[in-house]
Amino acid sequence: MNQVADTPGLLLRPDDQRNAIEKLALAILTKTKATVGFVVDPTGSSGTSVAVQLALRDELRAKLPEKAATSWIDLVSKIDVPYDPLLATMLPVSTATNEGLAKVDASVRTMLQSVVLGQNDQ
């Protein structure tokens, strides 16, 4: 059985400074066969710059190398506003217009199928 967990955003800080919700989010990522959708807000309106968001992504990918290689999707949100060319390799999505959501759905389904097939091979 597969489940979806939408965790709150993590902040770039040492693990010993994380709050209970952040620790729960990390536990979900490390202890399950989760597919990770890492969403970058290119506007910085969350109070976190793109550079810091990318640093957090890199830190998480280093902690989760197996997921980074097989079940990780980088998304850039709010594509109806201009965004940094550094984000060009990410899947663009807009919840305002639904643009890109079908591609995300297809990518997640493909990853989940590979997880299920991998379980059947064991």
PDB file of N, CA and C in Angstrom:
ATOM      1  N   MET A   1       0.844  -1.174   0.000  1.00  0.00           N
ATOM      2  CA  MET A   1       0.000   0.000   0.000  1.00  0.00           C
ATOM      3  C   MET A   1       0.895   1.245   0.000  1.00  0.00           C
ATOM      4  N   ASN A   2       0.514   2.206  -0.799  1.00  0.00           N
ATOM      5  CA  ASN A   2       1.242   3.471  -0.851  1.00  0.00           C
ATOM      6  C   ASN A   2       0.401   4.564  -0.223  1.00  0.00           C
ATOM      7  N   GLN A   3       1.072   5.508   0.404  1.00  0.00           N
ATOM      8  CA  GLN A   3       0.393   6.634   1.018  1.00  0.00           C
ATOM      9  C   GLN A   3       1.077   7.916   0.594  1.00  0.00           C
ATOM     10  N   VAL A   4       0.348   9.011   0.726  1.00  0.00           N
ATOM     11  CA  VAL A   4       0.891  10.328   0.421  1.00  0.00           C
ATOM     12  C   VAL A   4       0.974  11.110   1.721  1.00  0.00           C
ATOM     13  N   ALA A   5       2.105  11.749   1.944  1.00  0.00           N
ATOM     14  CA  ALA A   5       2.268  12.622   3.109  1.00  0.00           C
ATOM     15  C   ALA A   5       2.732  13.980   2.607  1.00  0.00           C
ATOM     16  N   ASP A   6       1.968  14.979   2.888  1.00  0.00           N
ATOM     17  CA  ASP A   6       2.338  16.350   2.532  1.00  0.00           C
ATOM     18  C   ASP A   6       2.896  16.982   3.795  1.00  0.00           C
ATOM     19  N   THR A   7       4.207  17.076   3.854  1.00  0.00           N
ATOM     20  CA  THR A   7       4.836  17.591   5.073  1.00  0.00           C
ATOM     21  C   THR A   7       5.006  19.102   4.987  1.00  0.00           C
ATOM     22  N   PRO A   8       5.058  19.748   6.125  1.00  0.00           N
ATOM     23  CA  PRO A   8       5.331  21.184   6.110  1.00  0.00           C
ATOM     24  C   PRO A   8       6.764  21.426   5.652  1.00  0.00           C
ATOM     25  N   GLY A   9       7.017  22.624   5.234  1.00  0.00           N
ATOM     26  CA  GLY A   9       8.351  22.964   4.766  1.00  0.00           C
ATOM     27  C   GLY A   9       9.412  22.793   5.835  1.00  0.00           C
ATOM     28  N   LEU A  10      10.572  22.377   5.403  1.00  0.00           N
ATOM     29  CA  LEU A  10      11.717  22.269   6.299  1.00  0.00           C
ATOM     30  C   LEU A  10      12.562  23.523   6.155  1.00  0.00           C
ATOM     31  N   LEU A  11      13.282  23.837   7.204  1.00  0.00           N
ATOM     32  CA  LEU A  11      14.208  24.959   7.162  1.00  0.00           C
ATOM     33  C   LEU A  11      15.627  24.421   7.133  1.00  0.00           C
ATOM     34  N   LEU A  12      16.526  25.187   6.570  1.00  0.00           N
ATOM     35  CA  LEU A  12      17.927  24.791   6.522  1.00  0.00           C
ATOM     36  C   LEU A  12      18.551  25.109   7.875  1.00  0.00           C
ATOM     37  N   ARG A  13      18.685  24.077   8.685  1.00  0.00           N
ATOM     38  CA  ARG A  13      19.303  24.217  10.004  1.00  0.00           C
ATOM     39  C   ARG A  13      19.735  22.835  10.472  1.00  0.00           C
ATOM     40  N   PRO A  14      20.620  22.788  11.462  1.00  0.00           N
ATOM     41  CA  PRO A  14      21.082  21.484  11.965  1.00  0.00           C
ATOM     42  C   PRO A  14      19.919  20.660  12.521  1.00  0.00           C
ATOM     43  N   ASP A  15      20.037  19.346  12.409  1.00  0.00           N
ATOM     44  CA  ASP A  15      18.968  18.463  12.870  1.00  0.00           C
ATOM     45  C   ASP A  15      18.623  18.679  14.338  1.00  0.00           C
ATOM     46  N   ASP A  16      19.617  18.970  15.169  1.00  0.00           N
ATOM     47  CA  ASP A  16      19.338  19.147  16.598  1.00  0.00           C
ATOM     48  C   ASP A  16      18.571  20.436  16.899  1.00  0.00           C
ATOM     49  N   GLN A  17      18.389  21.288  15.893  1.00  0.00           N
ATOM     50  CA  GLN A  17      17.616  22.519  16.077  1.00  0.00           C
ATOM     51  C   GLN A  17      16.232  22.438  15.422  1.00  0.00           C
ATOM     52  N   ARG A  18      15.903  21.286  14.874  1.00  0.00           N
ATOM     53  CA  ARG A  18      14.609  21.130  14.211  1.00  0.00           C
ATOM     54  C   ARG A  18      13.496  20.959  15.236  1.00  0.00           C
ATOM     55  N   ASN A  19      12.307  21.461  14.889  1.00  0.00           N
ATOM     56  CA  ASN A  19      11.155  21.285  15.771  1.00  0.00           C
ATOM     57  C   ASN A  19      10.524  19.912  15.521  1.00  0.00           C
ATOM     58  N   ALA A  20       9.507  19.576  16.311  1.00  0.00           N
ATOM     59  CA  ALA A  20       8.890  18.244  16.242  1.00  0.00           C
ATOM     60  C   ALA A  20       8.298  17.949  14.864  1.00  0.00           C
ATOM     61  N   ILE A  21       7.687  18.941  14.238  1.00  0.00           N
ATOM     62  CA  ILE A  21       7.079  18.730  12.919  1.00  0.00           C
ATOM     63  C   ILE A  21       8.158  18.448  11.875  1.00  0.00           C
ATOM     64  N   GLU A  22       9.255  19.185  11.927  1.00  0.00           N
ATOM     65  CA  GLU A  22      10.354  18.937  10.986  1.00  0.00           C
ATOM     66  C   GLU A  22      10.945  17.547  11.201  1.00  0.00           C
ATOM     67  N   LYS A  23      11.090  17.143  12.459  1.00  0.00           N
ATOM     68  CA  LYS A  23      11.625  15.812  12.756  1.00  0.00           C
ATOM     69  C   LYS A  23      10.695  14.727  12.228  1.00  0.00           C
ATOM     70  N   LEU A  24       9.393  14.950  12.348  1.00  0.00           N
ATOM     71  CA  LEU A  24       8.422  13.997  11.809  1.00  0.00           C
ATOM     72  C   LEU A  24       8.541  13.914  10.286  1.00  0.00           C
ATOM     73  N   ALA A  25       8.672  15.048   9.638  1.00  0.00           N
ATOM     74  CA  ALA A  25       8.826  15.065   8.180  1.00  0.00           C
ATOM     75  C   ALA A  25      10.072  14.286   7.764  1.00  0.00           C
ATOM     76  N   LEU A  26      11.176  14.499   8.458  1.00  0.00           N
ATOM     77  CA  LEU A  26      12.406  13.769   8.133  1.00  0.00           C
ATOM     78  C   LEU A  26      12.252  12.274   8.401  1.00  0.00           C
ATOM     79  N   ALA A  27      11.535  11.922   9.467  1.00  0.00           N
ATOM     80  CA  ALA A  27      11.309  10.504   9.758  1.00  0.00           C
ATOM     81  C   ALA A  27      10.512   9.851   8.634  1.00  0.00           C
ATOM     82  N   ILE A  28       9.507  10.549   8.139  1.00  0.00           N
ATOM     83  CA  ILE A  28       8.716  10.019   7.023  1.00  0.00           C
ATOM     84  C   ILE A  28       9.617   9.780   5.815  1.00  0.00           C
ATOM     85  N   LEU A  29      10.481  10.737   5.540  1.00  0.00           N
ATOM     86  CA  LEU A  29      11.362  10.613   4.377  1.00  0.00           C
ATOM     87  C   LEU A  29      12.365   9.477   4.531  1.00  0.00           C
ATOM     88  N   THR A  30      12.904   9.302   5.740  1.00  0.00           N
ATOM     89  CA  THR A  30      13.967   8.315   5.924  1.00  0.00           C
ATOM     90  C   THR A  30      13.457   6.908   6.204  1.00  0.00           C
ATOM     91  N   LYS A  31      12.266   6.782   6.757  1.00  0.00           N
ATOM     92  CA  LYS A  31      11.795   5.473   7.205  1.00  0.00           C
ATOM     93  C   LYS A  31      10.728   4.852   6.308  1.00  0.00           C
ATOM     94  N   THR A  32      10.375   5.519   5.230  1.00  0.00           N
ATOM     95  CA  THR A  32       9.378   4.977   4.310  1.00  0.00           C
ATOM     96  C   THR A  32       9.949   4.950   2.894  1.00  0.00           C
ATOM     97  N   LYS A  33       9.229   4.321   2.013  1.00  0.00           N
ATOM     98  CA  LYS A  33       9.625   4.312   0.603  1.00  0.00           C
ATOM     99  C   LYS A  33       8.950   5.476  -0.106  1.00  0.00           C
ATOM    100  N   ALA A  34       9.106   6.637   0.466  1.00  0.00           N
ATOM    101  CA  ALA A  34       8.443   7.837  -0.048  1.00  0.00           C
ATOM    102  C   ALA A  34       9.072   8.311  -1.349  1.00  0.00           C
ATOM    103  N   THR A  35       8.218   8.828  -2.207  1.00  0.00           N
ATOM    104  CA  THR A  35       8.673   9.600  -3.351  1.00  0.00           C
ATOM    105  C   THR A  35       8.702  11.049  -2.888  1.00  0.00           C
ATOM    106  N   VAL A  36       9.787  11.722  -3.149  1.00  0.00           N
ATOM    107  CA  VAL A  36       9.951  13.088  -2.657  1.00  0.00           C
ATOM    108  C   VAL A  36       9.672  14.077  -3.776  1.00  0.00           C
ATOM    109  N   GLY A  37       8.777  14.992  -3.513  1.00  0.00           N
ATOM    110  CA  GLY A  37       8.547  16.131  -4.392  1.00  0.00           C
ATOM    111  C   GLY A  37       9.060  17.361  -3.671  1.00  0.00           C
ATOM    112  N   PHE A  38      10.189  17.874  -4.102  1.00  0.00           N
ATOM    113  CA  PHE A  38      10.778  19.045  -3.445  1.00  0.00           C
ATOM    114  C   PHE A  38      10.350  20.286  -4.220  1.00  0.00           C
ATOM    115  N   VAL A  39       9.601  21.151  -3.559  1.00  0.00           N
ATOM    116  CA  VAL A  39       9.028  22.329  -4.209  1.00  0.00           C
ATOM    117  C   VAL A  39       9.834  23.566  -3.846  1.00  0.00           C
ATOM    118  N   VAL A  40      10.271  24.290  -4.871  1.00  0.00           N
ATOM    119  CA  VAL A  40      10.983  25.554  -4.680  1.00  0.00           C
ATOM    120  C   VAL A  40      10.042  26.702  -5.029  1.00  0.00           C
ATOM    121  N   ASP A  41       9.961  27.670  -4.129  1.00  0.00           N
ATOM    122  CA  ASP A  41       9.191  28.896  -4.359  1.00  0.00           C
ATOM    123  C   ASP A  41      10.162  29.942  -4.902  1.00  0.00           C
ATOM    124  N   PRO A  42      10.073  30.257  -6.188  1.00  0.00           N
ATOM    125  CA  PRO A  42      11.052  31.162  -6.787  1.00  0.00           C
ATOM    126  C   PRO A  42      10.875  32.626  -6.394  1.00  0.00           C
ATOM    127  N   THR A  43       9.751  32.945  -5.750  1.00  0.00           N
ATOM    128  CA  THR A  43       9.489  34.352  -5.420  1.00  0.00           C
ATOM    129  C   THR A  43      10.170  34.791  -4.139  1.00  0.00           C
ATOM    130  N   GLY A  44      10.536  33.837  -3.300  1.00  0.00           N
ATOM    131  CA  GLY A  44      11.114  34.197  -2.008  1.00  0.00           C
ATOM    132  C   GLY A  44      10.082  34.739  -1.035  1.00  0.00           C
ATOM    133  N   SER A  45       8.801  34.700  -1.410  1.00  0.00           N
ATOM    134  CA  SER A  45       7.755  35.257  -0.545  1.00  0.00           C
ATOM    135  C   SER A  45       7.588  34.467   0.750  1.00  0.00           C
ATOM    136  N   SER A  46       8.149  33.271   0.794  1.00  0.00           N
ATOM    137  CA  SER A  46       8.093  32.467   2.014  1.00  0.00           C
ATOM    138  C   SER A  46       9.100  32.952   3.048  1.00  0.00           C
ATOM    139  N   GLY A  47       9.953  33.876   2.632  1.00  0.00           N
ATOM    140  CA  GLY A  47      10.995  34.359   3.531  1.00  0.00           C
ATOM    141  C   GLY A  47      12.300  33.602   3.377  1.00  0.00           C
ATOM    142  N   THR A  48      12.330  32.662   2.437  1.00  0.00           N
ATOM    143  CA  THR A  48      13.531  31.867   2.200  1.00  0.00           C
ATOM    144  C   THR A  48      13.967  32.062   0.754  1.00  0.00           C
ATOM    145  N   SER A  49      15.194  32.477   0.570  1.00  0.00           N
ATOM    146  CA  SER A  49      15.696  32.740  -0.781  1.00  0.00           C
ATOM    147  C   SER A  49      15.825  31.440  -1.573  1.00  0.00           C
ATOM    148  N   VAL A  50      15.884  31.569  -2.880  1.00  0.00           N
ATOM    149  CA  VAL A  50      16.075  30.405  -3.748  1.00  0.00           C
ATOM    150  C   VAL A  50      17.380  29.700  -3.391  1.00  0.00           C
ATOM    151  N   ALA A  51      18.430  30.455  -3.124  1.00  0.00           N
ATOM    152  CA  ALA A  51      19.725  29.852  -2.791  1.00  0.00           C
ATOM    153  C   ALA A  51      19.626  28.975  -1.544  1.00  0.00           C
ATOM    154  N   VAL A  52      18.925  29.446  -0.535  1.00  0.00           N
ATOM    155  CA  VAL A  52      18.773  28.667   0.701  1.00  0.00           C
ATOM    156  C   VAL A  52      17.894  27.443   0.449  1.00  0.00           C
ATOM    157  N   GLN A  53      16.842  27.597  -0.348  1.00  0.00           N
ATOM    158  CA  GLN A  53      15.987  26.450  -0.685  1.00  0.00           C
ATOM    159  C   GLN A  53      16.789  25.382  -1.420  1.00  0.00           C
ATOM    160  N   LEU A  54      17.652  25.789  -2.336  1.00  0.00           N
ATOM    161  CA  LEU A  54      18.472  24.825  -3.071  1.00  0.00           C
ATOM    162  C   LEU A  54      19.506  24.170  -2.165  1.00  0.00           C
ATOM    163  N   ALA A  55      20.034  24.915  -1.207  1.00  0.00           N
ATOM    164  CA  ALA A  55      20.975  24.339  -0.238  1.00  0.00           C
ATOM    165  C   ALA A  55      20.277  23.270   0.605  1.00  0.00           C
ATOM    166  N   LEU A  56      19.039  23.534   1.012  1.00  0.00           N
ATOM    167  CA  LEU A  56      18.265  22.548   1.769  1.00  0.00           C
ATOM    168  C   LEU A  56      18.020  21.310   0.911  1.00  0.00           C
ATOM    169  N   ARG A  57      17.646  21.524  -0.340  1.00  0.00           N
ATOM    170  CA  ARG A  57      17.432  20.388  -1.246  1.00  0.00           C
ATOM    171  C   ARG A  57      18.696  19.538  -1.352  1.00  0.00           C
ATOM    172  N   ASP A  58      19.833  20.189  -1.519  1.00  0.00           N
ATOM    173  CA  ASP A  58      21.092  19.452  -1.639  1.00  0.00           C
ATOM    174  C   ASP A  58      21.410  18.677  -0.363  1.00  0.00           C
ATOM    175  N   GLU A  59      21.124  19.287   0.794  1.00  0.00           N
ATOM    176  CA  GLU A  59      21.352  18.609   2.076  1.00  0.00           C
ATOM    177  C   GLU A  59      20.465  17.369   2.192  1.00  0.00           C
ATOM    178  N   LEU A  60      19.201  17.513   1.838  1.00  0.00           N
ATOM    179  CA  LEU A  60      18.280  16.377   1.918  1.00  0.00           C
ATOM    180  C   LEU A  60      18.662  15.276   0.937  1.00  0.00           C
ATOM    181  N   ARG A  61      19.055  15.654  -0.261  1.00  0.00           N
ATOM    182  CA  ARG A  61      19.469  14.656  -1.250  1.00  0.00           C
ATOM    183  C   ARG A  61      20.694  13.888  -0.759  1.00  0.00           C
ATOM    184  N   ALA A  62      21.596  14.569  -0.063  1.00  0.00           N
ATOM    185  CA  ALA A  62      22.775  13.901   0.487  1.00  0.00           C
ATOM    186  C   ALA A  62      22.382  12.920   1.599  1.00  0.00           C
ATOM    187  N   LYS A  63      21.349  13.269   2.374  1.00  0.00           N
ATOM    188  CA  LYS A  63      20.882  12.384   3.446  1.00  0.00           C
ATOM    189  C   LYS A  63      20.099  11.200   2.897  1.00  0.00           C
ATOM    190  N   LEU A  64      19.541  11.353   1.722  1.00  0.00           N
ATOM    191  CA  LEU A  64      18.666  10.340   1.132  1.00  0.00           C
ATOM    192  C   LEU A  64      19.157   9.951  -0.259  1.00  0.00           C
ATOM    193  N   PRO A  65      20.381   9.442  -0.379  1.00  0.00           N
ATOM    194  CA  PRO A  65      20.945   9.207  -1.717  1.00  0.00           C
ATOM    195  C   PRO A  65      20.143   8.229  -2.562  1.00  0.00           C
ATOM    196  N   GLU A  66      19.541   7.212  -1.937  1.00  0.00           N
ATOM    197  CA  GLU A  66      18.762   6.251  -2.721  1.00  0.00           C
ATOM    198  C   GLU A  66      17.527   6.920  -3.325  1.00  0.00           C
ATOM    199  N   LYS A  67      16.846   7.732  -2.528  1.00  0.00           N
ATOM    200  CA  LYS A  67      15.670   8.447  -3.027  1.00  0.00           C
ATOM    201  C   LYS A  67      16.076   9.486  -4.070  1.00  0.00           C
ATOM    202  N   ALA A  68      17.192  10.157  -3.830  1.00  0.00           N
ATOM    203  CA  ALA A  68      17.649  11.181  -4.768  1.00  0.00           C
ATOM    204  C   ALA A  68      17.881  10.581  -6.149  1.00  0.00           C
ATOM    205  N   ALA A  69      18.309   9.327  -6.174  1.00  0.00           N
ATOM    206  CA  ALA A  69      18.607   8.678  -7.446  1.00  0.00           C
ATOM    207  C   ALA A  69      17.372   8.091  -8.120  1.00  0.00           C
ATOM    208  N   THR A  70      16.354   7.723  -7.341  1.00  0.00           N
ATOM    209  CA  THR A  70      15.258   6.959  -7.929  1.00  0.00           C
ATOM    210  C   THR A  70      13.864   7.536  -7.743  1.00  0.00           C
ATOM    211  N   SER A  71      13.638   8.291  -6.698  1.00  0.00           N
ATOM    212  CA  SER A  71      12.260   8.713  -6.426  1.00  0.00           C
ATOM    213  C   SER A  71      12.207  10.143  -5.898  1.00  0.00           C
ATOM    214  N   TRP A  72      12.794  11.026  -6.655  1.00  0.00           N
ATOM    215  CA  TRP A  72      12.878  12.435  -6.263  1.00  0.00           C
ATOM    216  C   TRP A  72      12.452  13.293  -7.447  1.00  0.00           C
ATOM    217  N   ILE A  73      11.552  14.235  -7.194  1.00  0.00           N
ATOM    218  CA  ILE A  73      11.118  15.163  -8.238  1.00  0.00           C
ATOM    219  C   ILE A  73      11.346  16.578  -7.729  1.00  0.00           C
ATOM    220  N   ASP A  74      12.085  17.354  -8.487  1.00  0.00           N
ATOM    221  CA  ASP A  74      12.264  18.773  -8.167  1.00  0.00           C
ATOM    222  C   ASP A  74      11.212  19.572  -8.915  1.00  0.00           C
ATOM    223  N   LEU A  75      10.480  20.386  -8.171  1.00  0.00           N
ATOM    224  CA  LEU A  75       9.404  21.199  -8.735  1.00  0.00           C
ATOM    225  C   LEU A  75       9.671  22.668  -8.463  1.00  0.00           C
ATOM    226  N   VAL A  76       9.323  23.506  -9.417  1.00  0.00           N
ATOM    227  CA  VAL A  76       9.364  24.953  -9.193  1.00  0.00           C
ATOM    228  C   VAL A  76       7.929  25.448  -9.316  1.00  0.00           C
ATOM    229  N   SER A  77       7.463  26.103  -8.255  1.00  0.00           N
ATOM    230  CA  SER A  77       6.073  26.560  -8.220  1.00  0.00           C
ATOM    231  C   SER A  77       5.967  28.003  -8.698  1.00  0.00           C
ATOM    232  N   LYS A  78       4.747  28.444  -8.801  1.00  0.00           N
ATOM    233  CA  LYS A  78       4.458  29.836  -9.171  1.00  0.00           C
ATOM    234  C   LYS A  78       5.130  30.214 -10.490  1.00  0.00           C
ATOM    235  N   ILE A  79       4.983  29.336 -11.479  1.00  0.00           N
ATOM    236  CA  ILE A  79       5.663  29.569 -12.751  1.00  0.00           C
ATOM    237  C   ILE A  79       5.029  30.682 -13.559  1.00  0.00           C
ATOM    238  N   ASP A  80       3.919  31.208 -13.054  1.00  0.00           N
ATOM    239  CA  ASP A  80       3.306  32.338 -13.739  1.00  0.00           C
ATOM    240  C   ASP A  80       4.064  33.633 -13.454  1.00  0.00           C
ATOM    241  N   VAL A  81       5.110  33.557 -12.614  1.00  0.00           N
ATOM    242  CA  VAL A  81       5.991  34.705 -12.380  1.00  0.00           C
ATOM    243  C   VAL A  81       7.392  34.315 -12.860  1.00  0.00           C
ATOM    244  N   PRO A  82       8.196  35.275 -13.275  1.00  0.00           N
ATOM    245  CA  PRO A  82       9.552  34.944 -13.739  1.00  0.00           C
ATOM    246  C   PRO A  82      10.364  34.263 -12.630  1.00  0.00           C
ATOM    247  N   TYR A  83      11.213  33.317 -13.025  1.00  0.00           N
ATOM    248  CA  TYR A  83      12.045  32.652 -12.024  1.00  0.00           C
ATOM    249  C   TYR A  83      13.462  32.452 -12.527  1.00  0.00           C
ATOM    250  N   ASP A  84      14.338  32.181 -11.584  1.00  0.00           N
ATOM    251  CA  ASP A  84      15.772  32.046 -11.802  1.00  0.00           C
ATOM    252  C   ASP A  84      16.067  30.933 -12.810  1.00  0.00           C
ATOM    253  N   PRO A  85      16.925  31.175 -13.793  1.00  0.00           N
ATOM    254  CA  PRO A  85      17.293  30.134 -14.761  1.00  0.00           C
ATOM    255  C   PRO A  85      17.912  28.891 -14.108  1.00  0.00           C
ATOM    256  N   LEU A  86      18.440  29.028 -12.884  1.00  0.00           N
ATOM    257  CA  LEU A  86      18.978  27.867 -12.173  1.00  0.00           C
ATOM    258  C   LEU A  86      17.915  26.792 -11.951  1.00  0.00           C
ATOM    259  N   LEU A  87      16.662  27.189 -12.011  1.00  0.00           N
ATOM    260  CA  LEU A  87      15.567  26.267 -11.743  1.00  0.00           C
ATOM    261  C   LEU A  87      15.025  25.610 -13.011  1.00  0.00           C
ATOM    262  N   ALA A  88      15.673  25.856 -14.144  1.00  0.00           N
ATOM    263  CA  ALA A  88      15.171  25.391 -15.442  1.00  0.00           C
ATOM    264  C   ALA A  88      15.076  23.869 -15.550  1.00  0.00           C
ATOM    265  N   THR A  89      15.844  23.126 -14.758  1.00  0.00           N
ATOM    266  CA  THR A  89      15.800  21.665 -14.837  1.00  0.00           C
ATOM    267  C   THR A  89      14.659  21.069 -14.016  1.00  0.00           C
ATOM    268  N   MET A  90      13.954  21.897 -13.267  1.00  0.00           N
ATOM    269  CA  MET A  90      12.860  21.425 -12.418  1.00  0.00           C
ATOM    270  C   MET A  90      11.551  21.388 -13.200  1.00  0.00           C
ATOM    271  N   LEU A  91      10.630  20.547 -12.739  1.00  0.00           N
ATOM    272  CA  LEU A  91       9.305  20.508 -13.350  1.00  0.00           C
ATOM    273  C   LEU A  91       8.538  21.753 -12.919  1.00  0.00           C
ATOM    274  N   PRO A  92       8.096  22.561 -13.867  1.00  0.00           N
ATOM    275  CA  PRO A  92       7.350  23.773 -13.510  1.00  0.00           C
ATOM    276  C   PRO A  92       5.883  23.458 -13.243  1.00  0.00           C
ATOM    277  N   VAL A  93       5.352  24.028 -12.158  1.00  0.00           N
ATOM    278  CA  VAL A  93       3.940  23.833 -11.824  1.00  0.00           C
ATOM    279  C   VAL A  93       3.325  25.153 -11.381  1.00  0.00           C
ATOM    280  N   SER A  94       2.047  25.266 -11.636  1.00  0.00           N
ATOM    281  CA  SER A  94       1.289  26.419 -11.160  1.00  0.00           C
ATOM    282  C   SER A  94      -0.042  25.929 -10.614  1.00  0.00           C
ATOM    283  N   THR A  95      -0.268  26.136  -9.339  1.00  0.00           N
ATOM    284  CA  THR A  95      -1.569  25.760  -8.788  1.00  0.00           C
ATOM    285  C   THR A  95      -2.628  26.774  -9.188  1.00  0.00           C
ATOM    286  N   ALA A  96      -2.200  27.956  -9.608  1.00  0.00           N
ATOM    287  CA  ALA A  96      -3.158  28.972 -10.065  1.00  0.00           C
ATOM    288  C   ALA A  96      -3.789  28.571 -11.396  1.00  0.00           C
ATOM    289  N   THR A  97      -2.984  27.951 -12.280  1.00  0.00           N
ATOM    290  CA  THR A  97      -3.486  27.580 -13.607  1.00  0.00           C
ATOM    291  C   THR A  97      -3.525  26.065 -13.834  1.00  0.00           C
ATOM    292  N   ASN A  98      -3.009  25.294 -12.891  1.00  0.00           N
ATOM    293  CA  ASN A  98      -2.869  23.829 -12.991  1.00  0.00           C
ATOM    294  C   ASN A  98      -1.826  23.397 -14.014  1.00  0.00           C
ATOM    295  N   GLU A  99      -1.085  24.328 -14.555  1.00  0.00           N
ATOM    296  CA  GLU A  99      -0.043  23.995 -15.528  1.00  0.00           C
ATOM    297  C   GLU A  99       1.015  23.107 -14.880  1.00  0.00           C
ATOM    298  N   GLY A 100       1.364  22.044 -15.574  1.00  0.00           N
ATOM    299  CA  GLY A 100       2.420  21.150 -15.126  1.00  0.00           C
ATOM    300  C   GLY A 100       1.974  20.046 -14.180  1.00  0.00           C
ATOM    301  N   LEU A 101       0.766  20.137 -13.651  1.00  0.00           N
ATOM    302  CA  LEU A 101       0.326  19.142 -12.668  1.00  0.00           C
ATOM    303  C   LEU A 101       0.169  17.753 -13.281  1.00  0.00           C
ATOM    304  N   ALA A 102      -0.228  17.675 -14.543  1.00  0.00           N
ATOM    305  CA  ALA A 102      -0.355  16.366 -15.200  1.00  0.00           C
ATOM    306  C   ALA A 102       1.008  15.682 -15.309  1.00  0.00           C
ATOM    307  N   LYS A 103       2.060  16.451 -15.586  1.00  0.00           N
ATOM    308  CA  LYS A 103       3.408  15.871 -15.663  1.00  0.00           C
ATOM    309  C   LYS A 103       3.865  15.374 -14.297  1.00  0.00           C
ATOM    310  N   VAL A 104       3.540  16.132 -13.255  1.00  0.00           N
ATOM    311  CA  VAL A 104       3.887  15.698 -11.899  1.00  0.00           C
ATOM    312  C   VAL A 104       3.158  14.398 -11.580  1.00  0.00           C
ATOM    313  N   ASP A 105       1.875  14.341 -11.889  1.00  0.00           N
ATOM    314  CA  ASP A 105       1.073  13.144 -11.645  1.00  0.00           C
ATOM    315  C   ASP A 105       1.684  11.940 -12.362  1.00  0.00           C
ATOM    316  N   ALA A 106       2.033  12.112 -13.619  1.00  0.00           N
ATOM    317  CA  ALA A 106       2.616  11.009 -14.389  1.00  0.00           C
ATOM    318  C   ALA A 106       3.957  10.572 -13.795  1.00  0.00           C
ATOM    319  N   SER A 107       4.776  11.525 -13.384  1.00  0.00           N
ATOM    320  CA  SER A 107       6.082  11.197 -12.798  1.00  0.00           C
ATOM    321  C   SER A 107       5.926  10.430 -11.491  1.00  0.00           C
ATOM    322  N   VAL A 108       5.019  10.876 -10.649  1.00  0.00           N
ATOM    323  CA  VAL A 108       4.799  10.203  -9.365  1.00  0.00           C
ATOM    324  C   VAL A 108       4.256   8.796  -9.596  1.00  0.00           C
ATOM    325  N   ARG A 109       3.323   8.649 -10.515  1.00  0.00           N
ATOM    326  CA  ARG A 109       2.770   7.318 -10.801  1.00  0.00           C
ATOM    327  C   ARG A 109       3.863   6.366 -11.289  1.00  0.00           C
ATOM    328  N   THR A 110       4.744   6.853 -12.142  1.00  0.00           N
ATOM    329  CA  THR A 110       5.845   6.025 -12.639  1.00  0.00           C
ATOM    330  C   THR A 110       6.755   5.598 -11.495  1.00  0.00           C
ATOM    331  N   MET A 111       7.073   6.542 -10.623  1.00  0.00           N
ATOM    332  CA  MET A 111       7.938   6.212  -9.487  1.00  0.00           C
ATOM    333  C   MET A 111       7.270   5.219  -8.545  1.00  0.00           C
ATOM    334  N   LEU A 112       5.991   5.415  -8.273  1.00  0.00           N
ATOM    335  CA  LEU A 112       5.279   4.490  -7.389  1.00  0.00           C
ATOM    336  C   LEU A 112       5.212   3.097  -7.996  1.00  0.00           C
ATOM    337  N   GLN A 113       5.016   3.016  -9.308  1.00  0.00           N
ATOM    338  CA  GLN A 113       5.002   1.710  -9.967  1.00  0.00           C
ATOM    339  C   GLN A 113       6.346   1.016  -9.807  1.00  0.00           C
ATOM    340  N   SER A 114       7.431   1.764  -9.921  1.00  0.00           N
ATOM    341  CA  SER A 114       8.748   1.144  -9.779  1.00  0.00           C
ATOM    342  C   SER A 114       8.974   0.672  -8.349  1.00  0.00           C
ATOM    343  N   VAL A 115       8.433   1.397  -7.368  1.00  0.00           N
ATOM    344  CA  VAL A 115       8.543   0.961  -5.973  1.00  0.00           C
ATOM    345  C   VAL A 115       7.764  -0.333  -5.779  1.00  0.00           C
ATOM    346  N   VAL A 116       6.552  -0.383  -6.304  1.00  0.00           N
ATOM    347  CA  VAL A 116       5.718  -1.580  -6.166  1.00  0.00           C
ATOM    348  C   VAL A 116       6.372  -2.758  -6.879  1.00  0.00           C
ATOM    349  N   LEU A 117       6.878  -2.548  -8.073  1.00  0.00           N
ATOM    350  CA  LEU A 117       7.550  -3.626  -8.802  1.00  0.00           C
ATOM    351  C   LEU A 117       8.786  -4.090  -8.057  1.00  0.00           C
ATOM    352  N   GLY A 118       9.516  -3.150  -7.480  1.00  0.00           N
ATOM    353  CA  GLY A 118      10.696  -3.501  -6.689  1.00  0.00           C
ATOM    354  C   GLY A 118      10.335  -4.353  -5.490  1.00  0.00           C
ATOM    355  N   GLN A 119       9.182  -4.076  -4.860  1.00  0.00           N
ATOM    356  CA  GLN A 119       8.724  -4.877  -3.724  1.00  0.00           C
ATOM    357  C   GLN A 119       8.367  -6.281  -4.183  1.00  0.00           C
ATOM    358  N   ASN A 120       7.801  -6.397  -5.379  1.00  0.00           N
ATOM    359  CA  ASN A 120       7.416  -7.710  -5.892  1.00  0.00           C
ATOM    360  C   ASN A 120       8.624  -8.555  -6.254  1.00  0.00           C
ATOM    361  N   ASP A 121       9.759  -7.906  -6.550  1.00  0.00           N
ATOM    362  CA  ASP A 121      10.972  -8.632  -6.914  1.00  0.00           C
ATOM    363  C   ASP A 121      11.664  -9.241  -5.701  1.00  0.00           C
ATOM    364  N   GLN A 122      11.299  -8.782  -4.512  1.00  0.00           N
ATOM    365  CA  GLN A 122      12.007  -9.238  -3.307  1.00  0.00           C
ATOM    366  C   GLN A 122      11.524 -10.579  -2.848  1.00  0.00           C
TER     367      GLN A 122
END
